Amino acid sequence: MFLSISTTGTPERPATDLGFLLHKHPEKAQAFSTSYGKAHVLYPEADAQRCTAALLLEVDAVALVRKGKGRGGAPDAALAQYVNDRPYAASSLLAVALSAVFSSAMRGVCNARPERAAAPLPLRIEVPALPARGGPDLVRKLFEPLGWAVTVAPVALDERFPEWGDSRYVGLVLESETLTLAEALRHLYVLLPVLDDAKHYWVASDEVDKLLRAGEGWLPDHPEQKLITSRYLSRRWSLTREAMERLELVRLAEADDSEVEEIDNAVEAETEDEEKPTPLAVQRRDAIIAALHASGAARVLDLGCGQGQLVQALLKDVRFTEIVGVDVSMRALTIASRRLKLDRMGERQASRVKLFQGSLAYTDKRLKGYDAAVLSEVVEHLDLPRLPALEYAVFGAARPRTVLVTTPNVEYNVRWETLPAGHVRHGDHRFEWTREEFRAWAGAVAERHGYDVEFVPVGPDDPEVGPPTQMAVFEIKSTANVEKEAKAA
């Protein structure tokens, strides 16, 4: 299996910087052992104007069969285990070799040239033999939305007999000037086995994490997301469902907070000559903190913490002794970590805050035992059929003493002059509730899980349409109250 990566350069930014980015010296040919053979890295050309790195994977067919993943293993066709396309056509084995040999480059790590690792490069990637179940059209559908110019040439079954038509193999050339090397490698890592529509090792639950890590930043919005996810996970329905649910939540986390609040804060631009009002996002955080104070909470969960704005505000208040931010997106958590400056935080302050990855659609024992949980502008980003899973994970399994839920009030949207009629406040909102709808949902949740609930307006409370944001404050019922209600019933 063969793949090459080329770039061009100038005397100030020589193309040979590719060697630094890949962590492989252009003047050396190197070999690496893998589970299925030997991977070689060499540079056919390397000068300031142009540099090409090539990855050659020699598949050990015997090792492949011994691991039980050779093709054509029927008892009456033993040779088919050894004579097949695996040593010649790019597949999941080449993707595994990419990850193993260029692991640092795939993460975008380069201490010697950090500015080059973070910047787009003129890239040309060639894969001479690529299985493409779906043909050239599918190849284009997968790569073009990611910013690649795609040249794909079908390979004939037999050039001597053109009437036989094309094989399922193509020659592929990808070109881009807008992508980083790390992004390019992650695209290949996911899409090579997707095009082959096969994996040559056991697909376990950790493959979901691998997919989400490699797909970070591009897979949640890819138009072929469902096909990519299904094929990458070998069409295993349970894993595909889990991945799709987590990708749905990633869309929420990766939405920049400034975008989410764009409509909320639009009124500021219309009042330049007046005293600027407090942004709704700030009013929302103030209302949440006031409700947490009233509840007496000291240990607080911020569920769907995004980029850490609320966590940062809570850290400034010494009454909160432990603050935990939970989000499904590692990218959002990385940004939150930078916002909080965790790497430079003093030991005492650092002991008060934790960030960890988790999906709100699943129960998680790490969420148990806290005084309060906050779901700030989270529920409206989920499809309605997914709300019962979130409800049980938070109110049924984690069961904090206090739960705060904020969500937009759709009735107030008529007050936003910049918001077209019938539109929600953010493109990722799956719904926006009226005050009556929110109260009905919250009341049913409280009834099912043994909570009392009160409603607090956030922002100016318009006498006709209510406040821009509505907040439900859930408090778990005391034993005395439960007994009292039981007697009354």
Protein backbone atom coordinates (compact mmCIF):
# COMPACT_ATOMS: atom_id res chain seq x y z
CA MET A 1 0.00 0.00 0.00
CA PHE A 2 1.36 3.39 -0.99
CA LEU A 3 0.51 7.02 -0.22
CA SER A 4 2.46 10.24 -0.80
CA ILE A 5 2.15 13.72 0.70
CA SER A 6 3.70 16.68 -1.14
CA THR A 7 4.02 20.38 -0.41
CA THR A 8 5.74 23.38 -1.93
CA GLY A 9 7.69 26.15 -0.27
CA THR A 10 9.82 29.27 -0.55
CA PRO A 11 13.33 30.11 0.71
CA GLU A 12 11.71 31.72 3.78
CA ARG A 13 9.37 28.77 4.36
CA PRO A 14 11.12 25.79 2.76
CA ALA A 15 9.06 22.79 1.73
CA THR A 16 11.39 20.58 3.75
CA ASP A 17 9.62 21.83 6.87
CA LEU A 18 7.33 18.91 6.05
CA GLY A 19 9.97 16.73 7.71
CA PHE A 20 9.57 18.65 10.97
CA LEU A 21 5.79 18.40 10.80
CA LEU A 22 5.86 14.65 10.18
CA HIS A 23 8.72 14.13 12.68
CA LYS A 24 10.61 12.18 9.99
CA HIS A 25 13.95 13.43 8.61
CA PRO A 26 13.97 13.92 4.81
CA GLU A 27 17.51 12.56 4.49
CA LYS A 28 16.65 9.22 6.07
CA ALA A 29 14.59 6.23 5.02
CA GLN A 30 12.95 4.81 8.12
CA ALA A 31 11.08 1.57 8.83
CA PHE A 32 8.51 0.87 11.54
CA SER A 33 7.00 -2.42 12.63
CA THR A 34 3.21 -2.65 12.72
CA SER A 35 0.81 -5.45 13.65
CA TYR A 36 0.33 -6.35 10.00
CA GLY A 37 3.72 -5.72 8.44
CA LYS A 38 6.39 -3.07 8.04
CA ALA A 39 5.81 0.62 7.27
CA HIS A 40 8.50 2.59 5.43
CA VAL A 41 8.79 6.39 5.30
CA LEU A 42 10.99 7.90 2.59
CA TYR A 43 11.31 11.15 0.68
CA PRO A 44 11.50 10.81 -3.14
CA GLU A 45 12.20 14.55 -3.35
CA ALA A 46 13.17 17.11 -0.74
CA ASP A 47 14.31 20.67 -1.41
CA ALA A 48 13.17 24.17 -0.54
CA GLN A 49 10.74 24.35 -3.48
CA ARG A 50 9.09 20.93 -3.21
CA CYS A 51 9.09 18.08 -0.72
CA THR A 52 7.32 14.70 -0.93
CA ALA A 53 7.01 12.16 1.86
CA ALA A 54 5.89 8.65 0.97
CA LEU A 55 4.43 5.97 3.22
CA LEU A 56 4.82 2.41 1.98
CA LEU A 57 3.16 -0.38 3.94
CA GLU A 58 4.34 -3.92 3.32
CA VAL A 59 1.53 -6.13 4.53
CA ASP A 60 2.54 -9.48 5.97
CA ALA A 61 -0.21 -11.73 4.56
CA VAL A 62 0.68 -14.55 6.94
CA ALA A 63 0.40 -12.26 9.96
CA LEU A 64 -2.91 -10.96 8.61
CA VAL A 65 -4.33 -14.47 8.38
CA ARG A 66 -3.01 -15.48 11.79
CA LYS A 67 -4.90 -12.57 13.27
CA GLY A 68 -8.04 -13.93 11.60
CA LYS A 69 -8.68 -10.94 9.37
CA GLY A 70 -7.56 -12.12 5.93
CA ARG A 71 -10.15 -12.10 3.17
CA GLY A 72 -11.60 -15.16 1.54
CA GLY A 73 -11.02 -17.59 4.39
CA ALA A 74 -13.29 -20.36 3.13
CA PRO A 75 -11.87 -23.85 3.83
CA ASP A 76 -11.93 -24.75 0.14
CA ALA A 77 -10.16 -21.58 -0.91
CA ALA A 78 -7.21 -21.38 1.44
CA LEU A 79 -5.06 -19.42 -1.00
CA ALA A 80 -7.63 -16.62 -0.99
CA GLN A 81 -6.45 -15.78 2.50
CA TYR A 82 -3.02 -14.93 1.13
CA VAL A 83 -3.72 -13.80 -2.43
CA ASN A 84 -6.02 -10.77 -2.22
CA ASP A 85 -5.98 -7.00 -2.57
CA ARG A 86 -4.82 -6.28 0.97
CA PRO A 87 -1.11 -5.80 0.19
CA TYR A 88 -1.84 -3.59 -2.81
CA ALA A 89 -4.83 -1.32 -2.19
CA ALA A 90 -5.19 1.34 0.49
CA SER A 91 -7.46 0.23 3.32
CA SER A 92 -7.94 0.39 7.07
CA LEU A 93 -4.48 -1.15 7.44
CA LEU A 94 -2.94 1.93 5.80
CA ALA A 95 -5.07 4.16 8.05
CA VAL A 96 -3.72 2.32 11.10
CA ALA A 97 -0.17 2.78 9.79
CA LEU A 98 -0.81 6.52 9.28
CA SER A 99 -1.91 6.82 12.89
CA ALA A 100 1.03 4.82 14.21
CA VAL A 101 3.79 6.43 12.14
CA PHE A 102 2.50 10.02 12.05
CA SER A 103 0.73 10.17 15.42
CA SER A 104 2.24 13.51 16.49
CA ALA A 105 1.56 15.08 13.11
CA MET A 106 -2.04 13.91 13.27
CA ARG A 107 -2.44 15.72 16.59
CA GLY A 108 -0.87 18.87 15.14
CA VAL A 109 2.10 18.70 17.53
CA CYS A 110 5.41 20.14 16.33
CA ASN A 111 7.65 21.84 18.89
CA ALA A 112 10.24 22.71 16.25
CA ARG A 113 7.79 24.49 13.91
CA PRO A 114 4.59 25.16 15.88
CA GLU A 115 3.56 28.04 13.62
CA ARG A 116 3.81 25.80 10.55
CA ALA A 117 1.81 23.02 12.21
CA ALA A 118 -1.03 25.44 12.95
CA ALA A 119 -1.06 27.04 9.49
CA PRO A 120 -2.57 25.74 6.23
CA LEU A 121 -0.13 24.23 3.74
CA PRO A 122 -0.26 23.72 -0.01
CA LEU A 123 -0.85 19.98 0.01
CA ARG A 124 -1.04 17.29 -2.65
CA ILE A 125 -1.88 13.74 -1.58
CA GLU A 126 -1.77 10.80 -3.96
CA VAL A 127 -3.16 7.32 -3.39
CA PRO A 128 -2.52 5.24 -6.54
CA ALA A 129 -4.81 2.32 -5.65
CA LEU A 130 -7.86 2.92 -3.47
CA PRO A 131 -10.91 0.67 -3.11
CA ALA A 132 -13.97 2.89 -3.51
CA ARG A 133 -17.27 1.14 -2.89
CA GLY A 134 -19.55 3.78 -4.31
CA GLY A 135 -17.24 4.86 -7.10
CA PRO A 136 -15.77 8.25 -8.00
CA ASP A 137 -18.99 10.08 -7.09
CA LEU A 138 -18.76 8.94 -3.46
CA VAL A 139 -15.07 9.87 -3.32
CA ARG A 140 -15.98 13.41 -4.32
CA LYS A 141 -18.91 13.56 -1.87
CA LEU A 142 -16.60 12.60 0.99
CA PHE A 143 -13.60 14.83 0.26
CA GLU A 144 -14.92 17.93 -1.52
CA PRO A 145 -16.96 19.26 1.46
CA LEU A 146 -13.71 19.24 3.46
CA GLY A 147 -11.98 21.69 1.13
CA TRP A 148 -10.18 19.28 -1.21
CA ALA A 149 -9.93 19.59 -4.99
CA VAL A 150 -10.48 15.97 -6.00
CA THR A 151 -9.09 14.20 -9.06
CA VAL A 152 -10.30 10.62 -9.19
CA ALA A 153 -9.61 8.17 -12.02
CA PRO A 154 -11.36 4.79 -12.16
CA VAL A 155 -9.13 1.78 -12.76
CA ALA A 156 -10.29 -0.55 -15.53
CA LEU A 157 -10.88 -4.21 -14.72
CA ASP A 158 -8.56 -5.10 -17.58
CA GLU A 159 -7.16 -2.54 -19.98
CA ARG A 160 -7.06 -5.20 -22.71
CA PHE A 161 -10.82 -5.60 -22.46
CA PRO A 162 -12.38 -2.15 -22.01
CA GLU A 163 -15.84 -3.58 -22.52
CA TRP A 164 -15.51 -5.21 -19.09
CA GLY A 165 -15.83 -1.77 -17.53
CA ASP A 166 -14.22 -0.30 -14.44
CA SER A 167 -13.15 -2.04 -11.26
CA ARG A 168 -14.04 -0.78 -7.79
CA TYR A 169 -10.57 0.78 -7.53
CA VAL A 170 -9.59 4.36 -8.27
CA GLY A 171 -6.48 6.46 -8.38
CA LEU A 172 -6.92 9.49 -6.13
CA VAL A 173 -5.24 12.90 -6.04
CA LEU A 174 -6.26 15.46 -3.39
CA GLU A 175 -5.10 19.09 -3.45
CA SER A 176 -5.71 21.92 -1.01
CA GLU A 177 -4.18 25.16 0.20
CA THR A 178 -6.60 25.75 3.08
CA LEU A 179 -5.99 22.74 5.33
CA THR A 180 -3.35 21.99 7.92
CA LEU A 181 -1.35 18.77 7.71
CA ALA A 182 -3.05 17.47 10.86
CA GLU A 183 -6.49 17.99 9.31
CA ALA A 184 -5.41 16.21 6.13
CA LEU A 185 -4.12 13.18 8.03
CA ARG A 186 -7.29 12.93 10.10
CA HIS A 187 -9.40 13.04 6.94
CA LEU A 188 -7.41 10.15 5.48
CA TYR A 189 -7.48 8.18 8.73
CA VAL A 190 -11.29 8.14 8.72
CA LEU A 191 -12.13 8.12 5.02
CA LEU A 192 -9.75 5.44 3.71
CA PRO A 193 -11.55 2.62 5.55
CA VAL A 194 -14.90 4.30 4.83
CA LEU A 195 -14.26 4.08 1.08
CA ASP A 196 -13.06 0.50 1.39
CA ASP A 197 -16.19 -0.20 3.50
CA ALA A 198 -14.23 -2.73 5.53
CA LYS A 199 -12.00 -2.96 8.56
CA HIS A 200 -9.42 -5.64 9.05
CA TYR A 201 -9.43 -5.78 12.80
CA TRP A 202 -12.12 -6.21 15.43
CA VAL A 203 -14.29 -3.12 15.81
CA ALA A 204 -14.83 -2.54 19.54
CA SER A 205 -16.53 0.29 21.43
CA ASP A 206 -13.30 2.32 21.56
CA GLU A 207 -13.64 2.84 17.79
CA VAL A 208 -16.34 5.43 18.56
CA ASP A 209 -13.82 7.49 20.53
CA LYS A 210 -11.27 7.14 17.71
CA LEU A 211 -13.82 8.33 15.17
CA LEU A 212 -14.85 11.36 17.24
CA ARG A 213 -11.23 12.34 17.91
CA ALA A 214 -10.25 12.11 14.25
CA GLY A 215 -13.53 13.69 13.12
CA GLU A 216 -13.29 16.63 15.49
CA GLY A 217 -13.99 19.89 13.74
CA TRP A 218 -15.34 18.41 10.49
CA LEU A 219 -17.46 15.29 10.95
CA PRO A 220 -20.38 16.87 12.90
CA ASP A 221 -21.26 19.08 9.91
CA HIS A 222 -20.28 16.72 7.07
CA PRO A 223 -23.23 16.09 4.70
CA GLU A 224 -22.32 12.37 4.56
CA GLN A 225 -21.96 12.06 8.33
CA LYS A 226 -24.33 9.10 8.65
CA LEU A 227 -22.64 7.08 5.90
CA ILE A 228 -19.17 7.84 7.26
CA THR A 229 -20.15 6.85 10.79
CA SER A 230 -21.88 3.63 9.74
CA ARG A 231 -19.08 2.43 7.47
CA TYR A 232 -16.28 3.41 9.83
CA LEU A 233 -17.92 1.37 12.58
CA SER A 234 -18.45 -1.63 10.26
CA ARG A 235 -22.20 -1.04 10.24
CA ARG A 236 -22.50 -2.07 13.88
CA TRP A 237 -25.84 -0.54 14.76
CA SER A 238 -25.25 -0.01 18.49
CA LEU A 239 -21.91 1.75 17.95
CA THR A 240 -23.29 3.82 15.08
CA ARG A 241 -26.20 4.98 17.21
CA GLU A 242 -23.87 5.96 20.06
CA ALA A 243 -21.60 7.88 17.70
CA MET A 244 -24.50 9.73 16.08
CA GLU A 245 -25.90 10.74 19.47
CA ARG A 246 -22.52 12.04 20.59
CA LEU A 247 -22.02 13.90 17.31
CA GLU A 248 -25.39 15.56 17.85
CA LEU A 249 -24.21 16.89 21.20
CA VAL A 250 -20.88 17.97 19.68
CA ARG A 251 -22.78 20.33 17.42
CA LEU A 252 -23.99 22.13 20.52
CA ALA A 253 -20.58 22.27 22.16
CA GLU A 254 -18.75 23.45 19.07
CA ALA A 255 -21.14 26.34 18.48
CA ASP A 256 -19.16 29.38 19.55
CA ASP A 257 -20.80 31.16 22.46
CA SER A 258 -20.67 34.40 20.53
CA GLU A 259 -22.82 32.80 17.81
CA VAL A 260 -25.28 31.39 20.32
CA GLU A 261 -25.75 34.82 21.81
CA GLU A 262 -25.76 36.73 18.53
CA ILE A 263 -29.51 37.35 18.61
CA ASP A 264 -29.52 37.85 22.37
CA ASN A 265 -27.09 40.74 22.06
CA ALA A 266 -28.28 42.23 18.76
CA VAL A 267 -30.19 44.94 20.60
CA GLU A 268 -26.88 46.44 21.78
CA ALA A 269 -26.05 47.62 18.27
CA GLU A 270 -29.37 49.43 18.12
CA THR A 271 -28.73 51.47 21.29
CA GLU A 272 -25.26 52.90 20.63
CA ASP A 273 -26.27 56.34 21.81
CA GLU A 274 -27.89 55.02 24.97
CA GLU A 275 -26.44 53.30 27.96
CA LYS A 276 -25.68 49.77 26.80
CA PRO A 277 -27.83 47.13 28.53
CA THR A 278 -26.30 44.18 30.29
CA PRO A 279 -25.99 41.36 27.72
CA LEU A 280 -28.54 38.61 28.18
CA ALA A 281 -25.74 36.03 28.53
CA VAL A 282 -24.43 37.91 31.57
CA GLN A 283 -27.94 38.27 33.05
CA ARG A 284 -28.40 34.52 32.57
CA ARG A 285 -25.18 33.68 34.42
CA ASP A 286 -26.06 36.10 37.22
CA ALA A 287 -29.49 34.49 37.60
CA ILE A 288 -27.95 31.02 37.72
CA ILE A 289 -25.42 32.04 40.38
CA ALA A 290 -28.15 33.73 42.45
CA ALA A 291 -30.26 30.55 42.31
CA LEU A 292 -27.25 28.46 43.33
CA HIS A 293 -26.64 30.77 46.29
CA ALA A 294 -30.27 30.46 47.33
CA SER A 295 -30.03 26.67 47.22
CA GLY A 296 -26.89 26.62 49.39
CA ALA A 297 -25.03 24.53 46.80
CA ALA A 298 -21.26 24.21 47.17
CA ARG A 299 -20.50 21.38 44.72
CA VAL A 300 -21.85 22.22 41.26
CA LEU A 301 -22.05 20.45 37.89
CA ASP A 302 -22.12 22.52 34.68
CA LEU A 303 -23.59 20.01 32.22
CA GLY A 304 -22.90 20.95 28.62
CA CYS A 305 -20.30 23.45 29.83
CA GLY A 306 -19.11 24.30 26.31
CA GLN A 307 -16.16 26.65 26.41
CA GLY A 308 -16.33 27.26 30.16
CA GLN A 309 -17.91 30.69 30.58
CA LEU A 310 -20.10 29.65 33.51
CA VAL A 311 -17.34 27.58 35.11
CA GLN A 312 -15.10 30.65 34.97
CA ALA A 313 -17.77 32.77 36.68
CA LEU A 314 -18.36 30.15 39.40
CA LEU A 315 -14.64 29.92 40.16
CA LYS A 316 -14.63 33.58 41.16
CA ASP A 317 -17.05 32.81 44.01
CA VAL A 318 -15.41 31.07 46.97
CA ARG A 319 -18.77 29.69 48.11
CA PHE A 320 -18.47 27.07 45.38
CA THR A 321 -15.92 24.57 46.64
CA GLU A 322 -16.07 22.15 43.69
CA ILE A 323 -17.05 22.98 40.11
CA VAL A 324 -17.21 20.28 37.44
CA GLY A 325 -17.63 21.07 33.75
CA VAL A 326 -18.89 18.22 31.57
CA ASP A 327 -19.07 18.25 27.80
CA VAL A 328 -19.09 15.73 24.97
CA SER A 329 -16.64 17.75 22.83
CA MET A 330 -12.92 17.52 23.59
CA ARG A 331 -12.41 20.63 21.49
CA ALA A 332 -14.77 22.62 23.70
CA LEU A 333 -13.07 21.27 26.83
CA THR A 334 -9.65 22.22 25.46
CA ILE A 335 -10.87 25.78 24.85
CA ALA A 336 -12.40 25.83 28.34
CA SER A 337 -9.08 24.70 29.82
CA ARG A 338 -7.28 27.52 28.04
CA ARG A 339 -9.92 30.04 29.11
CA LEU A 340 -9.47 28.98 32.73
CA LYS A 341 -5.67 28.82 32.40
CA LEU A 342 -5.65 25.46 34.16
CA ASP A 343 -1.98 24.89 33.33
CA ARG A 344 -1.02 28.05 35.26
CA MET A 345 -3.59 27.88 38.03
CA GLY A 346 -2.41 27.61 41.62
CA GLU A 347 -2.77 24.26 43.35
CA ARG A 348 -5.48 25.41 45.73
CA GLN A 349 -7.60 26.95 42.98
CA ALA A 350 -7.02 24.00 40.63
CA SER A 351 -8.35 21.62 43.28
CA ARG A 352 -11.77 23.33 42.99
CA VAL A 353 -12.32 22.67 39.27
CA LYS A 354 -12.51 19.61 37.03
CA LEU A 355 -13.30 19.23 33.34
CA PHE A 356 -14.19 15.90 31.83
CA GLN A 357 -15.79 14.46 28.73
CA GLY A 358 -19.19 12.86 28.94
CA SER A 359 -22.48 12.48 27.09
CA LEU A 360 -25.66 13.70 28.75
CA ALA A 361 -27.60 11.01 26.91
CA TYR A 362 -26.10 8.30 29.14
CA THR A 363 -25.97 7.72 32.87
CA ASP A 364 -22.58 8.46 34.39
CA LYS A 365 -21.63 7.52 37.94
CA ARG A 366 -19.17 10.44 38.03
CA LEU A 367 -22.16 12.82 38.16
CA LYS A 368 -23.61 11.45 41.39
CA GLY A 369 -23.36 13.15 44.78
CA TYR A 370 -23.38 16.84 43.78
CA ASP A 371 -25.43 19.61 45.34
CA ALA A 372 -26.56 21.17 42.08
CA ALA A 373 -26.48 20.72 38.31
CA VAL A 374 -26.90 23.42 35.66
CA LEU A 375 -28.23 22.87 32.14
CA SER A 376 -27.80 26.34 30.66
CA GLU A 377 -29.13 26.67 27.09
CA VAL A 378 -28.65 22.95 26.46
CA VAL A 379 -32.01 21.21 26.06
CA GLU A 380 -33.04 23.14 22.93
CA HIS A 381 -30.03 21.71 21.05
CA LEU A 382 -31.31 18.14 21.36
CA ASP A 383 -33.93 16.48 19.22
CA LEU A 384 -37.10 16.04 21.25
CA PRO A 385 -36.90 12.20 21.20
CA ARG A 386 -33.54 12.45 23.00
CA LEU A 387 -34.86 14.50 25.93
CA PRO A 388 -36.08 11.47 27.93
CA ALA A 389 -32.54 10.03 27.93
CA LEU A 390 -31.11 13.32 29.21
CA GLU A 391 -33.92 13.58 31.76
CA TYR A 392 -33.19 10.17 33.24
CA ALA A 393 -29.40 10.67 33.22
CA VAL A 394 -29.71 13.94 35.19
CA PHE A 395 -32.86 13.67 37.33
CA GLY A 396 -33.06 9.89 37.68
CA ALA A 397 -29.45 8.69 37.89
CA ALA A 398 -27.26 11.66 38.96
CA ARG A 399 -30.08 13.14 41.09
CA PRO A 400 -28.52 16.35 42.45
CA ARG A 401 -30.44 18.21 45.13
CA THR A 402 -30.96 21.21 42.83
CA VAL A 403 -31.20 21.35 39.04
CA LEU A 404 -31.33 24.60 37.05
CA VAL A 405 -32.53 24.54 33.44
CA THR A 406 -32.53 27.63 31.22
CA THR A 407 -33.90 27.79 27.68
CA PRO A 408 -35.10 30.52 25.28
CA ASN A 409 -38.71 31.71 25.42
CA VAL A 410 -39.89 31.56 21.81
CA GLU A 411 -42.71 34.02 22.54
CA TYR A 412 -40.10 36.76 23.12
CA ASN A 413 -38.62 36.34 19.63
CA VAL A 414 -41.05 38.92 18.20
CA ARG A 415 -39.14 41.55 20.21
CA TRP A 416 -35.92 40.88 18.27
CA GLU A 417 -36.10 43.23 15.30
CA THR A 418 -33.13 41.47 13.62
CA LEU A 419 -34.71 38.00 13.86
CA PRO A 420 -36.91 37.07 10.84
CA ALA A 421 -40.38 35.81 11.70
CA GLY A 422 -40.55 32.09 12.24
CA HIS A 423 -36.80 31.71 12.84
CA VAL A 424 -35.19 30.31 15.97
CA ARG A 425 -32.41 32.26 17.68
CA HIS A 426 -29.61 29.93 16.61
CA GLY A 427 -29.30 27.59 13.66
CA ASP A 428 -28.59 24.59 15.89
CA HIS A 429 -31.74 24.96 18.02
CA ARG A 430 -33.96 21.95 17.36
CA PHE A 431 -36.92 23.66 19.03
CA GLU A 432 -37.79 26.67 21.19
CA TRP A 433 -40.57 26.41 23.77
CA THR A 434 -43.33 28.80 24.79
CA ARG A 435 -43.68 29.46 28.50
CA GLU A 436 -46.61 27.03 28.68
CA GLU A 437 -44.68 24.27 26.88
CA PHE A 438 -41.64 24.70 29.12
CA ARG A 439 -43.76 24.64 32.26
CA ALA A 440 -45.55 21.49 31.09
CA TRP A 441 -42.26 19.69 30.39
CA ALA A 442 -40.64 20.80 33.64
CA GLY A 443 -43.73 19.92 35.68
CA ALA A 444 -43.84 16.42 34.22
CA VAL A 445 -40.13 15.89 34.89
CA ALA A 446 -40.52 17.06 38.50
CA GLU A 447 -43.49 14.77 39.02
CA ARG A 448 -41.70 11.72 37.62
CA HIS A 449 -38.53 12.17 39.66
CA GLY A 450 -39.69 13.63 42.97
CA TYR A 451 -38.77 17.30 42.58
CA ASP A 452 -40.56 20.57 43.23
CA VAL A 453 -40.14 23.16 40.48
CA GLU A 454 -40.40 26.95 40.34
CA PHE A 455 -39.95 29.28 37.37
CA VAL A 456 -37.78 32.39 37.28
CA PRO A 457 -37.74 34.99 34.47
CA VAL A 458 -34.31 35.95 33.12
CA GLY A 459 -34.04 39.35 31.43
CA PRO A 460 -36.79 41.95 31.06
CA ASP A 461 -40.18 40.35 31.81
CA ASP A 462 -42.42 41.70 29.05
CA PRO A 463 -46.07 41.84 30.17
CA GLU A 464 -47.24 40.40 26.83
CA VAL A 465 -44.59 37.85 25.79
CA GLY A 466 -42.64 37.20 28.99
CA PRO A 467 -38.84 37.17 29.47
CA PRO A 468 -36.26 36.33 26.76
CA THR A 469 -34.95 33.40 28.81
CA GLN A 470 -36.96 31.16 31.13
CA MET A 471 -35.39 29.23 34.01
CA ALA A 472 -36.77 26.29 35.94
CA VAL A 473 -35.41 25.68 39.45
CA PHE A 474 -35.90 22.07 40.53
CA GLU A 475 -35.47 21.16 44.22
CA ILE A 476 -35.64 17.55 45.34
CA LYS A 477 -38.57 16.97 47.65
CA SER A 478 -37.79 16.44 51.32
CA THR A 479 -39.05 13.30 53.07
CA ALA A 480 -41.53 15.40 55.05
CA ASN A 481 -42.99 16.92 51.89
CA VAL A 482 -43.26 13.52 50.23
CA GLU A 483 -45.14 12.13 53.25
CA LYS A 484 -47.37 15.20 53.38
CA GLU A 485 -48.31 14.84 49.70
CA ALA A 486 -48.92 11.12 50.13
CA LYS A 487 -51.34 11.78 53.00
CA ALA A 488 -53.13 14.45 50.97
CA ALA A 489 -53.48 12.05 48.06
